[in-house]
């Protein structure tokens, strides 16, 4: 799974063609550590792109650019525009249902 640095983003747009699922993850977050293998499996299961952006530093500009309040958060981009978003829930992270919704969106793209 590719790691995206903050310079891969321009405003609210991912500067890459096609469909991308980007997980915003922090190494201090137990829910991110639990969800990361699911993103990794997703990256190997289809012809779509899956990446993550490390937001472990709470001063990362990506917190503000994408309005992230809780991690993990996954945003799906198509040709640079955000088309879907799933935010983790405080104290629970992302569920299997959330993962399935993310998979369905990128599989249809």
N, C-alpha and C. Protein backbone atom coordinates (compact mmCIF):
# COMPACT_ATOMS: atom_id res chain seq x y z
N UNK A 1 0.85 -1.17 0.00
CA UNK A 1 0.00 0.00 0.00
C UNK A 1 0.90 1.23 0.00
N UNK A 2 0.62 2.11 -0.89
CA UNK A 2 1.45 3.31 -1.05
C UNK A 2 1.19 4.32 0.05
N UNK A 3 2.24 4.96 0.49
CA UNK A 3 2.12 6.05 1.47
C UNK A 3 2.15 7.37 0.71
N UNK A 4 1.15 8.20 0.97
CA UNK A 4 1.09 9.52 0.34
C UNK A 4 1.56 10.58 1.32
N UNK A 5 2.48 11.39 0.89
CA UNK A 5 2.96 12.51 1.69
C UNK A 5 2.02 13.70 1.48
N UNK A 6 2.02 14.67 2.38
CA UNK A 6 1.12 15.82 2.23
C UNK A 6 1.23 16.54 0.88
N UNK A 7 2.41 16.51 0.24
CA UNK A 7 2.54 17.20 -1.04
C UNK A 7 1.83 16.47 -2.18
N UNK A 8 1.30 15.26 -1.93
CA UNK A 8 0.50 14.56 -2.95
C UNK A 8 -0.88 15.18 -3.07
N UNK A 9 -1.22 16.05 -2.13
CA UNK A 9 -2.54 16.67 -2.10
C UNK A 9 -2.42 18.14 -2.47
N UNK A 10 -3.42 18.62 -3.13
CA UNK A 10 -3.47 20.05 -3.47
C UNK A 10 -4.87 20.52 -3.10
N UNK A 11 -4.98 21.29 -2.02
CA UNK A 11 -6.30 21.65 -1.54
C UNK A 11 -7.05 20.39 -1.16
N UNK A 12 -8.25 20.22 -1.68
CA UNK A 12 -9.03 19.01 -1.41
C UNK A 12 -8.96 18.03 -2.55
N UNK A 13 -7.91 18.10 -3.37
CA UNK A 13 -7.84 17.24 -4.55
C UNK A 13 -6.58 16.38 -4.54
N UNK A 14 -6.76 15.13 -4.83
CA UNK A 14 -5.62 14.23 -4.99
C UNK A 14 -5.17 14.37 -6.43
N UNK A 15 -3.93 14.71 -6.64
CA UNK A 15 -3.45 14.98 -8.00
C UNK A 15 -3.08 13.71 -8.73
N UNK A 16 -4.03 12.82 -8.92
CA UNK A 16 -3.78 11.59 -9.67
C UNK A 16 -5.05 11.19 -10.40
N UNK A 17 -4.91 10.65 -11.61
CA UNK A 17 -6.11 10.18 -12.33
C UNK A 17 -6.62 8.86 -11.78
N UNK A 18 -7.86 8.54 -12.08
CA UNK A 18 -8.44 7.28 -11.66
C UNK A 18 -9.09 7.36 -10.30
N UNK A 19 -9.39 6.20 -9.75
CA UNK A 19 -10.05 6.11 -8.45
C UNK A 19 -9.05 5.68 -7.40
N UNK A 20 -9.04 6.41 -6.29
CA UNK A 20 -8.13 6.15 -5.19
C UNK A 20 -8.90 6.13 -3.89
N UNK A 21 -8.63 5.14 -3.05
CA UNK A 21 -9.11 5.14 -1.67
C UNK A 21 -7.91 5.51 -0.80
N UNK A 22 -8.07 6.55 -0.01
CA UNK A 22 -6.97 7.00 0.84
C UNK A 22 -7.40 6.90 2.29
N UNK A 23 -6.65 6.11 3.05
CA UNK A 23 -6.88 6.00 4.48
C UNK A 23 -6.01 7.01 5.21
N UNK A 24 -6.64 7.82 6.03
CA UNK A 24 -5.91 8.77 6.87
C UNK A 24 -5.75 8.08 8.22
N UNK A 25 -4.51 7.67 8.52
CA UNK A 25 -4.21 6.83 9.67
C UNK A 25 -3.15 7.47 10.55
N UNK A 26 -3.19 7.13 11.83
CA UNK A 26 -2.19 7.61 12.78
C UNK A 26 -1.60 6.41 13.52
N UNK A 27 -0.28 6.42 13.70
CA UNK A 27 0.37 5.26 14.33
C UNK A 27 0.02 5.12 15.81
N UNK A 28 -0.47 6.16 16.45
CA UNK A 28 -0.85 6.10 17.86
C UNK A 28 -2.30 5.62 18.05
N UNK A 29 -3.01 5.39 16.95
CA UNK A 29 -4.43 5.04 17.00
C UNK A 29 -4.62 3.52 16.91
N UNK A 30 -5.15 2.87 17.97
CA UNK A 30 -5.34 1.42 17.90
C UNK A 30 -6.35 1.01 16.83
N UNK A 31 -7.33 1.85 16.55
CA UNK A 31 -8.32 1.52 15.52
C UNK A 31 -7.70 1.59 14.12
N UNK A 32 -6.74 2.49 13.94
CA UNK A 32 -6.02 2.57 12.67
C UNK A 32 -5.18 1.32 12.47
N UNK A 33 -4.51 0.89 13.52
CA UNK A 33 -3.69 -0.33 13.42
C UNK A 33 -4.55 -1.54 13.10
N UNK A 34 -5.77 -1.57 13.63
CA UNK A 34 -6.67 -2.69 13.35
C UNK A 34 -7.24 -2.61 11.94
N UNK A 35 -7.46 -1.40 11.42
CA UNK A 35 -8.07 -1.23 10.11
C UNK A 35 -7.06 -1.31 8.97
N UNK A 36 -5.82 -1.00 9.25
CA UNK A 36 -4.77 -0.96 8.22
C UNK A 36 -4.66 -2.27 7.43
N UNK A 37 -4.71 -3.46 8.06
CA UNK A 37 -4.63 -4.69 7.26
C UNK A 37 -5.79 -4.83 6.27
N UNK A 38 -6.96 -4.30 6.60
CA UNK A 38 -8.09 -4.36 5.67
C UNK A 38 -7.80 -3.50 4.44
N UNK A 39 -7.22 -2.32 4.67
CA UNK A 39 -6.85 -1.47 3.53
C UNK A 39 -5.78 -2.15 2.69
N UNK A 40 -4.83 -2.79 3.37
CA UNK A 40 -3.77 -3.50 2.66
C UNK A 40 -4.35 -4.61 1.78
N UNK A 41 -5.29 -5.38 2.32
CA UNK A 41 -5.94 -6.44 1.55
C UNK A 41 -6.72 -5.85 0.38
N UNK A 42 -7.37 -4.73 0.60
CA UNK A 42 -8.13 -4.07 -0.47
C UNK A 42 -7.19 -3.65 -1.59
N UNK A 43 -6.00 -3.19 -1.24
CA UNK A 43 -5.05 -2.73 -2.25
C UNK A 43 -4.60 -3.88 -3.15
N UNK A 44 -4.69 -5.11 -2.65
CA UNK A 44 -4.24 -6.27 -3.42
C UNK A 44 -5.38 -7.01 -4.12
N UNK A 45 -6.62 -6.55 -3.89
CA UNK A 45 -7.76 -7.33 -4.38
C UNK A 45 -8.39 -6.82 -5.66
N UNK A 46 -7.89 -5.73 -6.22
CA UNK A 46 -8.54 -5.22 -7.42
C UNK A 46 -7.67 -4.28 -8.21
N UNK A 47 -8.21 -3.80 -9.30
CA UNK A 47 -7.44 -2.92 -10.19
C UNK A 47 -7.51 -1.45 -9.78
N UNK A 48 -7.79 -1.18 -8.53
CA UNK A 48 -7.90 0.19 -8.06
C UNK A 48 -6.73 0.52 -7.15
N UNK A 49 -6.61 1.78 -6.83
CA UNK A 49 -5.49 2.26 -6.04
C UNK A 49 -5.93 2.49 -4.60
N UNK A 50 -5.12 2.03 -3.68
CA UNK A 50 -5.37 2.25 -2.26
C UNK A 50 -4.07 2.77 -1.67
N UNK A 51 -4.18 3.81 -0.87
CA UNK A 51 -3.00 4.41 -0.26
C UNK A 51 -3.35 4.89 1.14
N UNK A 52 -2.33 5.30 1.87
CA UNK A 52 -2.62 5.90 3.17
C UNK A 52 -1.80 7.16 3.35
N UNK A 53 -2.34 8.03 4.16
CA UNK A 53 -1.66 9.26 4.53
C UNK A 53 -1.48 9.23 6.04
N UNK A 54 -0.25 9.36 6.48
CA UNK A 54 0.06 9.31 7.90
C UNK A 54 -0.25 10.67 8.54
N UNK A 55 -1.21 10.66 9.44
CA UNK A 55 -1.58 11.89 10.15
C UNK A 55 -1.25 11.74 11.64
N UNK A 56 -0.18 11.00 11.93
CA UNK A 56 0.23 10.79 13.32
C UNK A 56 0.58 12.09 14.01
N UNK A 57 1.15 13.02 13.26
CA UNK A 57 1.45 14.35 13.79
C UNK A 57 0.18 15.18 13.73
N UNK A 58 -0.36 15.51 14.88
CA UNK A 58 -1.62 16.24 14.91
C UNK A 58 -1.50 17.65 14.35
N UNK A 59 -0.30 18.06 13.99
CA UNK A 59 -0.11 19.36 13.32
C UNK A 59 -0.06 19.20 11.81
N UNK A 60 -0.25 17.99 11.33
CA UNK A 60 -0.26 17.76 9.88
C UNK A 60 -1.34 18.63 9.25
N UNK A 61 -1.03 19.29 8.14
CA UNK A 61 -2.04 20.12 7.48
C UNK A 61 -3.22 19.31 6.95
N UNK A 62 -3.05 18.00 6.80
CA UNK A 62 -4.14 17.17 6.26
C UNK A 62 -5.33 17.11 7.21
N UNK A 63 -5.11 17.29 8.52
CA UNK A 63 -6.24 17.32 9.46
C UNK A 63 -7.21 18.43 9.07
N UNK A 64 -6.67 19.60 8.78
CA UNK A 64 -7.53 20.74 8.43
C UNK A 64 -8.03 20.68 7.00
N UNK A 65 -7.16 20.31 6.07
CA UNK A 65 -7.54 20.27 4.66
C UNK A 65 -8.74 19.35 4.44
N UNK A 66 -8.75 18.22 5.14
CA UNK A 66 -9.82 17.25 4.94
C UNK A 66 -10.82 17.21 6.10
N UNK A 67 -10.69 18.12 7.04
CA UNK A 67 -11.63 18.19 8.14
C UNK A 67 -11.70 16.90 8.94
N UNK A 68 -10.55 16.32 9.19
CA UNK A 68 -10.50 15.05 9.92
C UNK A 68 -10.62 15.33 11.42
N UNK A 69 -11.61 14.72 12.03
CA UNK A 69 -11.80 14.83 13.47
C UNK A 69 -11.46 13.53 14.19
N UNK A 70 -11.65 12.41 13.49
CA UNK A 70 -11.43 11.09 14.07
C UNK A 70 -10.69 10.24 13.04
N UNK A 71 -9.73 9.46 13.51
CA UNK A 71 -9.06 8.51 12.63
C UNK A 71 -9.43 7.12 13.08
N UNK A 72 -9.47 6.15 12.19
CA UNK A 72 -9.20 6.28 10.76
C UNK A 72 -10.35 6.95 10.01
N UNK A 73 -9.99 7.63 8.95
CA UNK A 73 -10.94 8.20 8.00
C UNK A 73 -10.49 7.74 6.63
N UNK A 74 -11.44 7.35 5.78
CA UNK A 74 -11.13 6.94 4.41
C UNK A 74 -11.90 7.85 3.46
N UNK A 75 -11.19 8.40 2.49
CA UNK A 75 -11.80 9.24 1.46
C UNK A 75 -11.51 8.58 0.11
N UNK A 76 -12.54 8.46 -0.72
CA UNK A 76 -12.37 7.91 -2.06
C UNK A 76 -12.40 9.09 -3.03
N UNK A 77 -11.38 9.14 -3.89
CA UNK A 77 -11.24 10.20 -4.89
C UNK A 77 -11.42 9.59 -6.28
N UNK A 78 -12.07 10.32 -7.16
CA UNK A 78 -12.12 9.92 -8.57
C UNK A 78 -11.63 11.13 -9.38
N UNK A 79 -10.55 10.91 -10.12
CA UNK A 79 -9.95 11.96 -10.94
C UNK A 79 -9.75 13.26 -10.15
N UNK A 80 -9.31 13.11 -8.91
CA UNK A 80 -8.96 14.26 -8.10
C UNK A 80 -10.07 14.81 -7.22
N UNK A 81 -11.30 14.39 -7.42
CA UNK A 81 -12.41 14.91 -6.61
C UNK A 81 -12.85 13.86 -5.59
N UNK A 82 -13.10 14.30 -4.37
CA UNK A 82 -13.59 13.39 -3.34
C UNK A 82 -15.04 13.02 -3.67
N UNK A 83 -15.30 11.70 -3.76
CA UNK A 83 -16.65 11.24 -4.10
C UNK A 83 -17.31 10.47 -2.97
N UNK A 84 -16.56 10.09 -1.94
CA UNK A 84 -17.10 9.29 -0.85
C UNK A 84 -16.18 9.45 0.35
N UNK A 85 -16.77 9.40 1.52
CA UNK A 85 -15.98 9.53 2.74
C UNK A 85 -16.61 8.71 3.84
N UNK A 86 -15.77 8.06 4.62
CA UNK A 86 -16.25 7.32 5.78
C UNK A 86 -15.32 7.67 6.93
N UNK A 87 -15.87 8.28 7.97
CA UNK A 87 -15.11 8.67 9.15
C UNK A 87 -15.26 7.61 10.24
N UNK A 88 -14.16 7.36 10.93
CA UNK A 88 -14.23 6.47 12.08
C UNK A 88 -15.09 7.09 13.16
N UNK A 89 -15.58 6.26 14.03
CA UNK A 89 -16.37 6.74 15.15
C UNK A 89 -15.51 6.72 16.41
N UNK A 90 -15.63 7.77 17.18
CA UNK A 90 -14.84 7.91 18.39
C UNK A 90 -15.01 6.68 19.28
N UNK A 91 -13.91 6.09 19.63
CA UNK A 91 -13.93 4.91 20.50
C UNK A 91 -14.28 3.61 19.81
N UNK A 92 -14.53 3.66 18.47
CA UNK A 92 -14.89 2.43 17.75
C UNK A 92 -14.19 2.27 16.41
N UNK A 93 -13.71 3.34 15.83
CA UNK A 93 -13.04 3.24 14.53
C UNK A 93 -14.01 2.98 13.40
N UNK A 94 -13.60 2.16 12.44
CA UNK A 94 -14.44 1.80 11.29
C UNK A 94 -14.85 0.34 11.40
N UNK A 95 -16.08 0.05 11.03
CA UNK A 95 -16.62 -1.30 11.14
C UNK A 95 -16.45 -2.09 9.85
N UNK A 96 -16.81 -3.36 9.90
CA UNK A 96 -16.82 -4.18 8.69
C UNK A 96 -17.81 -3.61 7.67
N UNK A 97 -18.93 -3.10 8.15
CA UNK A 97 -19.90 -2.47 7.26
C UNK A 97 -19.32 -1.25 6.56
N UNK A 98 -18.53 -0.46 7.29
CA UNK A 98 -17.85 0.69 6.69
C UNK A 98 -16.89 0.22 5.61
N UNK A 99 -16.12 -0.83 5.92
CA UNK A 99 -15.17 -1.37 4.95
C UNK A 99 -15.91 -1.84 3.70
N UNK A 100 -17.02 -2.53 3.87
CA UNK A 100 -17.79 -3.00 2.71
C UNK A 100 -18.31 -1.85 1.87
N UNK A 101 -18.74 -0.77 2.51
CA UNK A 101 -19.22 0.40 1.77
C UNK A 101 -18.07 1.02 0.96
N UNK A 102 -16.89 1.11 1.56
CA UNK A 102 -15.72 1.64 0.85
C UNK A 102 -15.39 0.76 -0.35
N UNK A 103 -15.36 -0.54 -0.13
CA UNK A 103 -15.07 -1.48 -1.20
C UNK A 103 -16.08 -1.35 -2.34
N UNK A 104 -17.36 -1.26 -2.01
CA UNK A 104 -18.40 -1.15 -3.03
C UNK A 104 -18.23 0.10 -3.87
N UNK A 105 -17.90 1.22 -3.24
CA UNK A 105 -17.72 2.47 -3.98
C UNK A 105 -16.56 2.37 -4.95
N UNK A 106 -15.42 1.86 -4.49
CA UNK A 106 -14.28 1.83 -5.41
C UNK A 106 -14.43 0.74 -6.46
N UNK A 107 -15.12 -0.34 -6.13
CA UNK A 107 -15.32 -1.41 -7.12
C UNK A 107 -16.23 -0.96 -8.25
N UNK A 108 -17.16 -0.06 -7.97
CA UNK A 108 -18.06 0.46 -9.00
C UNK A 108 -17.43 1.56 -9.84
N UNK A 109 -16.33 2.11 -9.36
CA UNK A 109 -15.72 3.26 -10.05
C UNK A 109 -14.89 2.84 -11.24
